[in-house]
């Protein structure tokens, strides 16, 4: 998972600072043993790269779904369900088709993106420790519960931040509507101004004095 990879790199950085010897400069030749260790790290972290690829695909898809859900309220009620199903099918198709492509690209990109950083920033001894940790039962168990931890944290944040962010988002949406000249929800497509209240009745005239 992404969290595992981030923690592993953080742990590697901590070990690097704790070492008295500095990491080998990037211009120094990389031993085959170090290359093999880096290749092993990349294999162990492959699930994290794949999860990252899926997340990249899901973010715009989810955002588009939310925007479509809001716009769906303007569709006639008798067509709303069918249009909603059609949009949902299109979004799912995008996810199903895009995720494998990006997942494959992520796995292919890792050796040219991650490997040079590991070569420069981590020593061979640090990589051995990193591999040992990634292969440990503790790391594997953390990987298994990683998604559960992220979901729990996400739901908690949404629950707590929702009341704080909703008014701000509503105010922002209203400001954007005003900037675009779009009528607020419920005013109809024509954007006609609401009817003015009827004028107050005039008090009866006083009888003429005799």
N, C-alpha and C. Protein backbone atom coordinates (compact mmCIF):
# COMPACT_ATOMS: atom_id res chain seq x y z
N UNK A 1 0.84 -1.18 0.00
CA UNK A 1 0.00 0.00 0.00
C UNK A 1 0.88 1.25 0.00
N UNK A 2 0.29 2.41 -0.36
CA UNK A 2 1.06 3.64 -0.39
C UNK A 2 1.63 3.96 0.98
N UNK A 3 0.83 3.71 2.01
CA UNK A 3 1.28 4.01 3.36
C UNK A 3 2.51 3.20 3.72
N UNK A 4 2.54 1.94 3.30
CA UNK A 4 3.68 1.09 3.58
C UNK A 4 4.93 1.64 2.91
N UNK A 5 4.79 2.02 1.64
CA UNK A 5 5.94 2.51 0.90
C UNK A 5 6.45 3.80 1.52
N UNK A 6 5.51 4.69 1.89
CA UNK A 6 5.92 5.94 2.50
C UNK A 6 6.66 5.70 3.81
N UNK A 7 6.14 4.77 4.62
CA UNK A 7 6.79 4.46 5.89
C UNK A 7 8.16 3.84 5.67
N UNK A 8 8.25 3.00 4.66
CA UNK A 8 9.53 2.35 4.38
C UNK A 8 10.58 3.37 3.99
N UNK A 9 10.20 4.31 3.13
CA UNK A 9 11.15 5.34 2.73
C UNK A 9 11.51 6.23 3.91
N UNK A 10 10.53 6.53 4.75
CA UNK A 10 10.79 7.34 5.92
C UNK A 10 11.75 6.63 6.86
N UNK A 11 11.52 5.33 7.05
CA UNK A 11 12.42 4.55 7.89
C UNK A 11 13.81 4.53 7.30
N UNK A 12 13.90 4.40 5.99
CA UNK A 12 15.20 4.40 5.32
C UNK A 12 15.92 5.72 5.53
N UNK A 13 15.15 6.84 5.45
CA UNK A 13 15.76 8.15 5.66
C UNK A 13 16.25 8.29 7.08
N UNK A 14 15.49 7.75 8.05
CA UNK A 14 15.90 7.82 9.45
C UNK A 14 17.18 7.04 9.66
N UNK A 15 17.25 5.84 9.08
CA UNK A 15 18.47 5.06 9.21
C UNK A 15 19.65 5.79 8.58
N UNK A 16 19.40 6.46 7.45
CA UNK A 16 20.48 7.15 6.76
C UNK A 16 21.07 8.25 7.63
N UNK A 17 20.20 8.98 8.34
CA UNK A 17 20.68 10.03 9.21
C UNK A 17 21.43 9.46 10.41
N UNK A 18 21.07 8.26 10.80
CA UNK A 18 21.70 7.66 11.97
C UNK A 18 23.08 7.11 11.65
N UNK A 19 23.35 6.85 10.38
CA UNK A 19 24.64 6.29 9.98
C UNK A 19 25.70 7.38 10.01
N UNK A 20 26.91 7.01 10.39
CA UNK A 20 28.00 7.98 10.42
C UNK A 20 28.56 8.21 9.03
N UNK A 21 28.48 7.20 8.19
CA UNK A 21 28.99 7.34 6.83
C UNK A 21 27.91 7.90 5.93
N UNK A 22 28.27 8.81 5.07
CA UNK A 22 27.29 9.40 4.15
C UNK A 22 26.98 8.42 3.04
N UNK A 23 25.79 8.59 2.43
CA UNK A 23 25.41 7.72 1.33
C UNK A 23 26.35 7.97 0.16
N UNK A 24 26.52 6.93 -0.65
CA UNK A 24 27.43 7.06 -1.79
C UNK A 24 26.89 8.09 -2.76
N UNK A 25 27.72 8.92 -3.33
CA UNK A 25 27.26 9.93 -4.29
C UNK A 25 26.65 9.27 -5.51
N UNK A 26 25.78 10.01 -6.17
CA UNK A 26 25.05 9.44 -7.30
C UNK A 26 25.98 9.05 -8.44
N UNK A 27 27.19 9.68 -8.50
CA UNK A 27 28.11 9.37 -9.59
C UNK A 27 28.88 8.08 -9.36
N UNK A 28 28.86 7.58 -8.11
CA UNK A 28 29.60 6.36 -7.80
C UNK A 28 28.91 5.16 -8.46
N UNK A 29 29.69 4.18 -8.90
CA UNK A 29 29.08 2.99 -9.52
C UNK A 29 28.24 2.22 -8.50
N UNK A 30 27.13 1.66 -8.96
CA UNK A 30 26.22 0.91 -8.09
C UNK A 30 26.54 -0.57 -8.23
N UNK A 31 26.76 -1.22 -7.11
CA UNK A 31 27.10 -2.64 -7.14
C UNK A 31 25.90 -3.47 -7.58
N UNK A 32 26.19 -4.66 -8.09
CA UNK A 32 25.11 -5.54 -8.51
C UNK A 32 24.27 -5.97 -7.33
N UNK A 33 24.93 -6.13 -6.17
CA UNK A 33 24.19 -6.53 -4.97
C UNK A 33 23.16 -5.46 -4.59
N UNK A 34 23.54 -4.20 -4.73
CA UNK A 34 22.62 -3.12 -4.41
C UNK A 34 21.48 -3.06 -5.42
N UNK A 35 21.82 -3.26 -6.70
CA UNK A 35 20.77 -3.29 -7.72
C UNK A 35 19.77 -4.41 -7.46
N UNK A 36 20.27 -5.56 -7.02
CA UNK A 36 19.38 -6.69 -6.73
C UNK A 36 18.47 -6.37 -5.56
N UNK A 37 19.01 -5.69 -4.54
CA UNK A 37 18.20 -5.32 -3.38
C UNK A 37 17.10 -4.33 -3.80
N UNK A 38 17.46 -3.37 -4.63
CA UNK A 38 16.47 -2.39 -5.09
C UNK A 38 15.39 -3.07 -5.91
N UNK A 39 15.79 -4.01 -6.76
CA UNK A 39 14.81 -4.75 -7.56
C UNK A 39 13.84 -5.51 -6.65
N UNK A 40 14.35 -6.03 -5.54
CA UNK A 40 13.51 -6.76 -4.61
C UNK A 40 12.53 -5.82 -3.91
N UNK A 41 13.02 -4.62 -3.57
CA UNK A 41 12.14 -3.63 -2.95
C UNK A 41 11.00 -3.27 -3.91
N UNK A 42 11.32 -3.09 -5.17
CA UNK A 42 10.30 -2.74 -6.16
C UNK A 42 9.25 -3.83 -6.30
N UNK A 43 9.70 -5.09 -6.25
CA UNK A 43 8.74 -6.20 -6.33
C UNK A 43 7.85 -6.23 -5.09
N UNK A 44 8.45 -6.04 -3.93
CA UNK A 44 7.68 -6.06 -2.68
C UNK A 44 6.70 -4.90 -2.61
N UNK A 45 7.03 -3.80 -3.26
CA UNK A 45 6.18 -2.62 -3.21
C UNK A 45 5.22 -2.51 -4.40
N UNK A 46 5.22 -3.50 -5.27
CA UNK A 46 4.35 -3.45 -6.45
C UNK A 46 2.88 -3.25 -6.10
N UNK A 47 2.34 -3.92 -5.08
CA UNK A 47 0.93 -3.66 -4.72
C UNK A 47 0.67 -2.19 -4.39
N UNK A 48 1.68 -1.52 -3.82
CA UNK A 48 1.52 -0.10 -3.52
C UNK A 48 1.44 0.74 -4.78
N UNK A 49 2.26 0.42 -5.78
CA UNK A 49 2.21 1.16 -7.03
C UNK A 49 0.87 0.94 -7.73
N UNK A 50 0.37 -0.29 -7.68
CA UNK A 50 -0.91 -0.59 -8.32
C UNK A 50 -2.05 0.14 -7.62
N UNK A 51 -1.99 0.20 -6.29
CA UNK A 51 -3.02 0.92 -5.54
C UNK A 51 -2.96 2.41 -5.86
N UNK A 52 -1.75 2.93 -6.02
CA UNK A 52 -1.59 4.34 -6.37
C UNK A 52 -2.21 4.63 -7.74
N UNK A 53 -2.00 3.72 -8.68
CA UNK A 53 -2.56 3.90 -10.01
C UNK A 53 -4.08 3.92 -9.96
N UNK A 54 -4.67 3.00 -9.19
CA UNK A 54 -6.12 2.97 -9.07
C UNK A 54 -6.64 4.25 -8.42
N UNK A 55 -5.92 4.76 -7.44
CA UNK A 55 -6.33 5.98 -6.76
C UNK A 55 -6.33 7.16 -7.72
N UNK A 56 -5.33 7.21 -8.61
CA UNK A 56 -5.25 8.29 -9.59
C UNK A 56 -6.45 8.24 -10.54
N UNK A 57 -6.89 7.04 -10.88
CA UNK A 57 -8.05 6.90 -11.75
C UNK A 57 -9.33 7.24 -11.00
N UNK A 58 -9.42 6.80 -9.74
CA UNK A 58 -10.66 6.95 -8.99
C UNK A 58 -10.97 8.40 -8.63
N UNK A 59 -9.95 9.18 -8.35
CA UNK A 59 -10.19 10.56 -7.90
C UNK A 59 -11.01 11.37 -8.89
N UNK A 60 -10.59 11.48 -10.16
CA UNK A 60 -11.42 12.26 -11.09
C UNK A 60 -12.76 11.60 -11.37
N UNK A 61 -12.80 10.26 -11.32
CA UNK A 61 -14.06 9.56 -11.57
C UNK A 61 -15.07 9.87 -10.46
N UNK A 62 -14.61 9.85 -9.23
CA UNK A 62 -15.49 10.16 -8.10
C UNK A 62 -15.95 11.61 -8.17
N UNK A 63 -15.03 12.50 -8.48
CA UNK A 63 -15.39 13.92 -8.58
C UNK A 63 -16.43 14.14 -9.68
N UNK A 64 -16.21 13.49 -10.82
CA UNK A 64 -17.17 13.61 -11.92
C UNK A 64 -18.53 13.05 -11.52
N UNK A 65 -18.53 11.94 -10.78
CA UNK A 65 -19.78 11.37 -10.32
C UNK A 65 -20.53 12.29 -9.39
N UNK A 66 -19.79 12.98 -8.52
CA UNK A 66 -20.43 13.91 -7.60
C UNK A 66 -21.03 15.10 -8.34
N UNK A 67 -20.29 15.61 -9.32
CA UNK A 67 -20.80 16.74 -10.11
C UNK A 67 -22.02 16.32 -10.92
N UNK A 68 -21.96 15.10 -11.47
CA UNK A 68 -23.10 14.60 -12.25
C UNK A 68 -24.32 14.41 -11.35
N UNK A 69 -24.09 13.93 -10.12
CA UNK A 69 -25.20 13.74 -9.20
C UNK A 69 -25.90 15.04 -8.88
N UNK A 70 -25.11 16.12 -8.74
CA UNK A 70 -25.71 17.43 -8.46
C UNK A 70 -26.48 17.94 -9.69
N UNK A 71 -25.88 17.77 -10.86
CA UNK A 71 -26.54 18.24 -12.09
C UNK A 71 -27.77 17.42 -12.41
N UNK A 72 -27.82 16.20 -11.91
CA UNK A 72 -28.93 15.31 -12.21
C UNK A 72 -30.25 15.85 -11.65
N UNK A 73 -30.17 16.70 -10.67
CA UNK A 73 -31.39 17.26 -10.07
C UNK A 73 -32.13 18.17 -11.05
N UNK A 74 -31.42 18.63 -12.10
CA UNK A 74 -32.05 19.49 -13.10
C UNK A 74 -32.71 18.69 -14.22
N UNK A 75 -32.51 17.37 -14.22
CA UNK A 75 -33.11 16.51 -15.24
C UNK A 75 -34.57 16.22 -14.84
N UNK A 76 -35.48 16.19 -15.80
CA UNK A 76 -36.88 15.87 -15.47
C UNK A 76 -36.97 14.58 -14.65
N UNK A 77 -37.87 14.56 -13.70
CA UNK A 77 -37.97 13.44 -12.77
C UNK A 77 -38.19 12.10 -13.46
N UNK A 78 -38.96 12.11 -14.57
CA UNK A 78 -39.27 10.84 -15.23
C UNK A 78 -38.06 10.26 -15.98
N UNK A 79 -37.05 11.08 -16.23
CA UNK A 79 -35.85 10.62 -16.94
C UNK A 79 -34.64 10.50 -16.02
N UNK A 80 -34.79 10.96 -14.80
CA UNK A 80 -33.64 11.07 -13.89
C UNK A 80 -32.99 9.72 -13.62
N UNK A 81 -33.80 8.68 -13.39
CA UNK A 81 -33.24 7.37 -13.06
C UNK A 81 -32.46 6.77 -14.22
N UNK A 82 -33.03 6.85 -15.42
CA UNK A 82 -32.34 6.26 -16.58
C UNK A 82 -31.07 7.01 -16.91
N UNK A 83 -31.10 8.34 -16.80
CA UNK A 83 -29.90 9.13 -17.06
C UNK A 83 -28.83 8.83 -16.02
N UNK A 84 -29.26 8.70 -14.76
CA UNK A 84 -28.32 8.38 -13.70
C UNK A 84 -27.64 7.04 -13.92
N UNK A 85 -28.40 6.05 -14.33
CA UNK A 85 -27.83 4.73 -14.60
C UNK A 85 -26.85 4.77 -15.77
N UNK A 86 -27.18 5.56 -16.77
CA UNK A 86 -26.30 5.68 -17.93
C UNK A 86 -24.97 6.33 -17.55
N UNK A 87 -25.05 7.39 -16.75
CA UNK A 87 -23.84 8.07 -16.30
C UNK A 87 -23.00 7.14 -15.44
N UNK A 88 -23.67 6.42 -14.55
CA UNK A 88 -22.96 5.49 -13.67
C UNK A 88 -22.24 4.41 -14.48
N UNK A 89 -22.90 3.91 -15.52
CA UNK A 89 -22.29 2.88 -16.37
C UNK A 89 -21.07 3.44 -17.10
N UNK A 90 -21.16 4.68 -17.56
CA UNK A 90 -20.04 5.30 -18.27
C UNK A 90 -18.84 5.49 -17.33
N UNK A 91 -19.12 5.92 -16.10
CA UNK A 91 -18.03 6.13 -15.14
C UNK A 91 -17.37 4.81 -14.78
N UNK A 92 -18.19 3.77 -14.57
CA UNK A 92 -17.63 2.46 -14.26
C UNK A 92 -16.78 1.93 -15.42
N UNK A 93 -17.23 2.17 -16.64
CA UNK A 93 -16.47 1.73 -17.81
C UNK A 93 -15.13 2.44 -17.87
N UNK A 94 -15.13 3.74 -17.56
CA UNK A 94 -13.88 4.50 -17.53
C UNK A 94 -12.91 3.91 -16.50
N UNK A 95 -13.43 3.58 -15.32
CA UNK A 95 -12.58 3.01 -14.27
C UNK A 95 -12.04 1.65 -14.69
N UNK A 96 -12.92 0.81 -15.21
CA UNK A 96 -12.52 -0.55 -15.59
C UNK A 96 -11.49 -0.55 -16.72
N UNK A 97 -11.62 0.40 -17.65
CA UNK A 97 -10.71 0.44 -18.79
C UNK A 97 -9.40 1.15 -18.45
N UNK A 98 -9.47 2.16 -17.59
CA UNK A 98 -8.29 2.98 -17.32
C UNK A 98 -7.38 2.39 -16.25
N UNK A 99 -7.97 1.72 -15.25
CA UNK A 99 -7.16 1.21 -14.14
C UNK A 99 -6.09 0.22 -14.60
N UNK A 100 -6.39 -0.80 -15.41
CA UNK A 100 -5.34 -1.72 -15.83
C UNK A 100 -4.22 -1.03 -16.61
N UNK A 101 -4.59 -0.04 -17.44
CA UNK A 101 -3.58 0.67 -18.22
C UNK A 101 -2.62 1.42 -17.32
N UNK A 102 -3.19 2.16 -16.36
CA UNK A 102 -2.35 2.95 -15.47
C UNK A 102 -1.58 2.06 -14.50
N UNK A 103 -2.19 0.94 -14.09
CA UNK A 103 -1.50 0.01 -13.21
C UNK A 103 -0.25 -0.55 -13.89
N UNK A 104 -0.41 -0.93 -15.16
CA UNK A 104 0.74 -1.46 -15.91
C UNK A 104 1.81 -0.39 -16.08
N UNK A 105 1.39 0.84 -16.35
CA UNK A 105 2.34 1.93 -16.52
C UNK A 105 3.08 2.22 -15.21
N UNK A 106 2.37 2.13 -14.09
CA UNK A 106 3.01 2.38 -12.79
C UNK A 106 4.10 1.36 -12.51
N UNK A 107 3.82 0.08 -12.79
CA UNK A 107 4.80 -0.98 -12.56
C UNK A 107 6.03 -0.79 -13.45
N UNK A 108 5.80 -0.35 -14.70
CA UNK A 108 6.91 -0.14 -15.63
C UNK A 108 7.71 1.11 -15.28
N UNK A 109 7.05 2.10 -14.70
CA UNK A 109 7.71 3.36 -14.38
C UNK A 109 8.56 3.27 -13.12
N UNK A 110 8.18 2.41 -12.20
CA UNK A 110 8.87 2.32 -10.91
C UNK A 110 10.39 2.14 -11.04
N UNK A 111 10.88 1.22 -11.89
CA UNK A 111 12.34 1.04 -11.96
C UNK A 111 13.10 2.28 -12.39
N UNK A 112 12.50 3.10 -13.26
CA UNK A 112 13.21 4.30 -13.72
C UNK A 112 12.94 5.51 -12.83
N UNK A 113 11.94 5.43 -11.97
CA UNK A 113 11.59 6.55 -11.09
C UNK A 113 12.05 6.32 -9.66
N UNK A 114 11.72 5.17 -9.11
CA UNK A 114 12.03 4.87 -7.71
C UNK A 114 13.46 4.39 -7.55
N UNK A 115 13.91 3.52 -8.45
CA UNK A 115 15.24 2.92 -8.32
C UNK A 115 16.36 3.96 -8.21
N UNK A 116 16.41 4.99 -9.07
CA UNK A 116 17.49 5.98 -8.93
C UNK A 116 17.50 6.69 -7.59
N UNK A 117 16.32 6.93 -7.02
CA UNK A 117 16.25 7.60 -5.72
C UNK A 117 16.81 6.70 -4.63
N UNK A 118 16.42 5.42 -4.69
CA UNK A 118 16.95 4.46 -3.71
C UNK A 118 18.45 4.28 -3.86
N UNK A 119 18.93 4.28 -5.09
CA UNK A 119 20.37 4.16 -5.32
C UNK A 119 21.13 5.32 -4.68
N UNK A 120 20.57 6.51 -4.80
CA UNK A 120 21.25 7.70 -4.30
C UNK A 120 21.11 7.88 -2.80
N UNK A 121 19.90 7.64 -2.29
CA UNK A 121 19.61 8.01 -0.91
C UNK A 121 19.90 6.90 0.11
N UNK A 122 19.95 5.64 -0.32
CA UNK A 122 20.08 4.55 0.64
C UNK A 122 21.30 3.70 0.34
N UNK A 123 21.96 3.30 1.41
CA UNK A 123 23.13 2.44 1.27
C UNK A 123 22.68 0.99 1.11
N UNK A 124 23.64 0.14 0.78
CA UNK A 124 23.33 -1.27 0.62
C UNK A 124 22.84 -1.88 1.94
N UNK A 125 23.47 -1.47 3.03
CA UNK A 125 23.07 -2.00 4.33
C UNK A 125 21.65 -1.56 4.69
N UNK A 126 21.32 -0.32 4.37
CA UNK A 126 19.96 0.18 4.64
C UNK A 126 18.92 -0.56 3.80
N UNK A 127 19.29 -0.85 2.58
CA UNK A 127 18.37 -1.59 1.71
C UNK A 127 18.14 -3.00 2.24
N UNK A 128 19.18 -3.61 2.79
CA UNK A 128 19.01 -4.94 3.38
C UNK A 128 18.01 -4.88 4.54
N UNK A 129 18.14 -3.84 5.36
CA UNK A 129 17.21 -3.68 6.49
C UNK A 129 15.78 -3.42 5.98
N UNK A 130 15.70 -2.63 4.92
CA UNK A 130 14.38 -2.32 4.36
C UNK A 130 13.71 -3.57 3.82
N UNK A 131 14.45 -4.37 3.08
CA UNK A 131 13.91 -5.62 2.54
C UNK A 131 13.49 -6.55 3.67
N UNK A 132 14.33 -6.64 4.71
CA UNK A 132 14.00 -7.51 5.84
C UNK A 132 12.70 -7.05 6.50
N UNK A 133 12.53 -5.75 6.60
CA UNK A 133 11.30 -5.24 7.23
C UNK A 133 10.09 -5.51 6.35
N UNK A 134 10.23 -5.26 5.04
CA UNK A 134 9.10 -5.47 4.13
C UNK A 134 8.68 -6.94 4.07
N UNK A 135 9.63 -7.84 4.29
CA UNK A 135 9.33 -9.26 4.26
C UNK A 135 8.90 -9.80 5.62
N UNK A 136 8.96 -8.97 6.64
CA UNK A 136 8.62 -9.42 7.99
C UNK A 136 7.13 -9.64 8.14
N UNK A 137 6.70 -10.52 9.05
CA UNK A 137 5.27 -10.73 9.30
C UNK A 137 4.54 -9.45 9.70
N UNK A 138 5.25 -8.58 10.44
CA UNK A 138 4.64 -7.32 10.87
C UNK A 138 4.28 -6.44 9.69
N UNK A 139 5.22 -6.31 8.75
CA UNK A 139 4.96 -5.47 7.57
C UNK A 139 3.83 -6.06 6.73
N UNK A 140 3.85 -7.38 6.56
CA UNK A 140 2.81 -8.02 5.76
C UNK A 140 1.44 -7.86 6.41
N UNK A 141 1.40 -7.96 7.72
CA UNK A 141 0.12 -7.79 8.42
C UNK A 141 -0.37 -6.35 8.29
N UNK A 142 0.57 -5.40 8.37
CA UNK A 142 0.19 -4.01 8.23
C UNK A 142 -0.34 -3.74 6.83
N UNK A 143 0.25 -4.39 5.83
CA UNK A 143 -0.25 -4.26 4.46
C UNK A 143 -1.69 -4.74 4.36
N UNK A 144 -1.99 -5.83 5.05
CA UNK A 144 -3.34 -6.40 4.99
C UNK A 144 -4.38 -5.47 5.60
N UNK A 145 -4.01 -4.79 6.67
CA UNK A 145 -4.97 -3.91 7.34
C UNK A 145 -4.83 -2.46 6.88
N UNK A 146 -3.89 -2.20 5.96
CA UNK A 146 -3.65 -0.83 5.52
C UNK A 146 -4.88 -0.17 4.94
N UNK A 147 -5.59 -0.87 4.05
CA UNK A 147 -6.79 -0.29 3.44
C UNK A 147 -7.88 -0.04 4.48
N UNK A 148 -7.99 -0.95 5.43
CA UNK A 148 -8.99 -0.78 6.50
C UNK A 148 -8.68 0.46 7.34
N UNK A 149 -7.39 0.67 7.62
CA UNK A 149 -6.98 1.84 8.39
C UNK A 149 -7.28 3.12 7.62
N UNK A 150 -6.98 3.12 6.33
CA UNK A 150 -7.23 4.30 5.51
C UNK A 150 -8.72 4.60 5.41
N UNK A 151 -9.54 3.55 5.24
CA UNK A 151 -10.99 3.76 5.15
C UNK A 151 -11.54 4.31 6.45
N UNK A 152 -11.08 3.74 7.58
CA UNK A 152 -11.56 4.20 8.88
C UNK A 152 -11.19 5.67 9.10
N UNK A 153 -9.95 6.02 8.75
CA UNK A 153 -9.50 7.39 8.92
C UNK A 153 -10.27 8.33 8.00
N UNK A 154 -10.50 7.89 6.75
CA UNK A 154 -11.23 8.73 5.81
C UNK A 154 -12.66 8.99 6.26
N UNK A 155 -13.34 7.94 6.75
CA UNK A 155 -14.72 8.10 7.21
C UNK A 155 -14.78 9.03 8.43
N UNK A 156 -13.79 8.90 9.31
CA UNK A 156 -13.76 9.75 10.51
C UNK A 156 -13.55 11.21 10.12
N UNK A 157 -12.64 11.45 9.18
CA UNK A 157 -12.38 12.81 8.75
C UNK A 157 -13.61 13.42 8.08
N UNK A 158 -14.28 12.62 7.24
CA UNK A 158 -15.48 13.11 6.56
C UNK A 158 -16.56 13.46 7.58
N UNK A 159 -16.72 12.58 8.58
CA UNK A 159 -17.75 12.82 9.60
C UNK A 159 -17.47 14.08 10.40
N UNK A 160 -16.20 14.31 10.72
CA UNK A 160 -15.85 15.45 11.56
C UNK A 160 -15.70 16.74 10.75
N UNK A 161 -15.18 16.60 9.52
CA UNK A 161 -14.94 17.80 8.73
C UNK A 161 -16.17 18.25 7.96
N UNK A 162 -17.13 17.32 7.75
CA UNK A 162 -18.32 17.66 6.99
C UNK A 162 -19.03 18.90 7.50
N UNK A 163 -19.40 18.96 8.79
CA UNK A 163 -20.09 20.15 9.30
C UNK A 163 -19.26 21.43 9.17
N UNK A 164 -17.93 21.29 9.15
CA UNK A 164 -17.08 22.47 9.03
C UNK A 164 -16.96 22.94 7.57
N UNK A 165 -16.88 21.97 6.66
CA UNK A 165 -16.64 22.31 5.27
C UNK A 165 -17.90 22.59 4.47
N UNK A 166 -19.02 21.94 4.85
CA UNK A 166 -20.25 22.09 4.06
C UNK A 166 -20.68 23.55 3.91
N UNK A 167 -20.76 24.34 4.99
CA UNK A 167 -21.15 25.75 4.81
C UNK A 167 -20.19 26.51 3.91
N UNK A 168 -18.90 26.23 4.03
CA UNK A 168 -17.92 26.91 3.18
C UNK A 168 -18.09 26.52 1.72
N UNK A 169 -18.35 25.23 1.48
CA UNK A 169 -18.56 24.77 0.11
C UNK A 169 -19.84 25.37 -0.48
N UNK A 170 -20.87 25.45 0.34
CA UNK A 170 -22.13 26.04 -0.14
C UNK A 170 -21.94 27.51 -0.48
N UNK A 171 -21.19 28.22 0.38
CA UNK A 171 -20.92 29.62 0.11
C UNK A 171 -20.10 29.80 -1.15
N UNK A 172 -19.11 28.90 -1.33
CA UNK A 172 -18.29 28.96 -2.53
C UNK A 172 -19.12 28.68 -3.77
N UNK A 173 -20.00 27.67 -3.70
CA UNK A 173 -20.85 27.34 -4.84
C UNK A 173 -21.75 28.51 -5.20
N UNK A 174 -22.29 29.17 -4.19
CA UNK A 174 -23.16 30.32 -4.43
C UNK A 174 -22.38 31.46 -5.09
N UNK A 175 -21.14 31.66 -4.62
CA UNK A 175 -20.30 32.72 -5.19
C UNK A 175 -19.97 32.43 -6.64
N UNK A 176 -19.70 31.15 -6.93
CA UNK A 176 -19.40 30.76 -8.31
C UNK A 176 -20.62 30.98 -9.19
N UNK A 177 -21.81 30.62 -8.68
CA UNK A 177 -23.04 30.83 -9.46
C UNK A 177 -23.24 32.30 -9.79
N UNK A 178 -22.99 33.15 -8.80
CA UNK A 178 -23.15 34.58 -9.02
C UNK A 178 -22.16 35.06 -10.08
N UNK A 179 -20.92 34.57 -9.99
CA UNK A 179 -19.91 34.98 -10.97
C UNK A 179 -20.28 34.54 -12.37
N UNK A 180 -20.90 33.36 -12.48
CA UNK A 180 -21.27 32.82 -13.78
C UNK A 180 -22.64 33.31 -14.24
N UNK A 181 -23.38 33.98 -13.37
CA UNK A 181 -24.71 34.41 -13.71
C UNK A 181 -25.71 33.28 -13.76
N UNK A 182 -25.43 32.22 -13.03
CA UNK A 182 -26.32 31.06 -13.00
C UNK A 182 -27.31 31.23 -11.86
N UNK A 183 -28.59 31.02 -12.11
CA UNK A 183 -29.57 31.18 -11.04
C UNK A 183 -29.38 30.12 -9.96
N UNK A 184 -29.67 30.43 -8.73
CA UNK A 184 -29.56 29.45 -7.66
C UNK A 184 -30.55 28.32 -7.85
N UNK A 185 -30.32 27.15 -7.27
CA UNK A 185 -31.24 26.01 -7.43
C UNK A 185 -32.65 26.38 -7.01
N UNK A 186 -33.62 25.92 -7.84
CA UNK A 186 -35.02 26.13 -7.49
C UNK A 186 -35.65 27.32 -8.16
N UNK A 187 -34.82 28.12 -8.88
CA UNK A 187 -35.36 29.31 -9.52
C UNK A 187 -35.83 29.04 -10.95
N UNK A 188 -35.61 27.80 -11.43
CA UNK A 188 -36.03 27.50 -12.80
C UNK A 188 -34.95 27.83 -13.78
N UNK A 189 -35.04 27.24 -14.97
CA UNK A 189 -34.01 27.42 -15.98
C UNK A 189 -33.97 28.83 -16.53
N UNK A 190 -35.10 29.53 -16.51
CA UNK A 190 -35.13 30.86 -17.10
C UNK A 190 -34.37 31.87 -16.31
N UNK A 191 -34.19 31.58 -15.01
CA UNK A 191 -33.45 32.51 -14.17
C UNK A 191 -34.23 33.76 -13.87
N UNK A 192 -35.55 33.72 -14.05
CA UNK A 192 -36.36 34.90 -13.80
C UNK A 192 -36.30 35.27 -12.33
N UNK A 193 -36.33 36.56 -12.08
CA UNK A 193 -36.27 37.02 -10.70
C UNK A 193 -37.55 36.64 -9.99
N UNK A 194 -37.48 36.36 -8.73
CA UNK A 194 -38.68 35.99 -7.99
C UNK A 194 -39.67 37.13 -7.96
N UNK A 195 -40.93 36.79 -7.96
CA UNK A 195 -41.98 37.81 -7.97
C UNK A 195 -41.89 38.69 -6.74
N UNK A 196 -42.13 39.98 -6.95
CA UNK A 196 -42.10 40.90 -5.82
C UNK A 196 -43.34 40.70 -4.97
N UNK A 197 -43.23 40.91 -3.67
CA UNK A 197 -44.41 40.77 -2.82
C UNK A 197 -45.44 41.83 -3.15
N UNK A 198 -46.71 41.47 -2.99
CA UNK A 198 -47.79 42.42 -3.29
C UNK A 198 -47.67 43.64 -2.41
N UNK A 199 -48.01 44.78 -2.99
CA UNK A 199 -47.93 46.02 -2.22
C UNK A 199 -48.90 45.99 -1.07
N UNK A 200 -48.50 46.55 0.02
CA UNK A 200 -49.36 46.56 1.21
C UNK A 200 -50.60 47.40 0.94
N UNK A 201 -51.73 46.94 1.46
CA UNK A 201 -52.99 47.66 1.24
C UNK A 201 -52.94 49.01 1.93
N UNK A 202 -53.48 50.04 1.24
CA UNK A 202 -53.49 51.38 1.82
C UNK A 202 -54.57 51.46 2.89
N UNK A 203 -54.33 52.20 3.94
CA UNK A 203 -55.35 52.34 4.96
C UNK A 203 -56.57 53.07 4.40
N UNK A 204 -57.76 52.75 4.88
CA UNK A 204 -58.96 53.41 4.37
C UNK A 204 -58.90 54.92 4.57
N UNK A 205 -59.46 55.62 3.58
CA UNK A 205 -59.45 57.10 3.68
C UNK A 205 -60.34 57.54 4.81
N UNK A 206 -59.93 58.62 5.45
CA UNK A 206 -60.72 59.17 6.55
C UNK A 206 -61.97 59.84 5.99
N UNK A 207 -63.07 59.67 6.69
CA UNK A 207 -64.29 60.33 6.19
C UNK A 207 -64.13 61.84 6.18
N UNK A 208 -64.75 62.48 5.16
CA UNK A 208 -64.64 63.93 5.06
C UNK A 208 -65.32 64.58 6.25
N UNK A 209 -64.69 65.59 6.77
CA UNK A 209 -65.25 66.27 7.94
C UNK A 209 -66.43 67.11 7.50
N UNK A 210 -67.44 67.14 8.29
CA UNK A 210 -68.64 67.93 7.97
C UNK A 210 -68.46 69.36 8.36
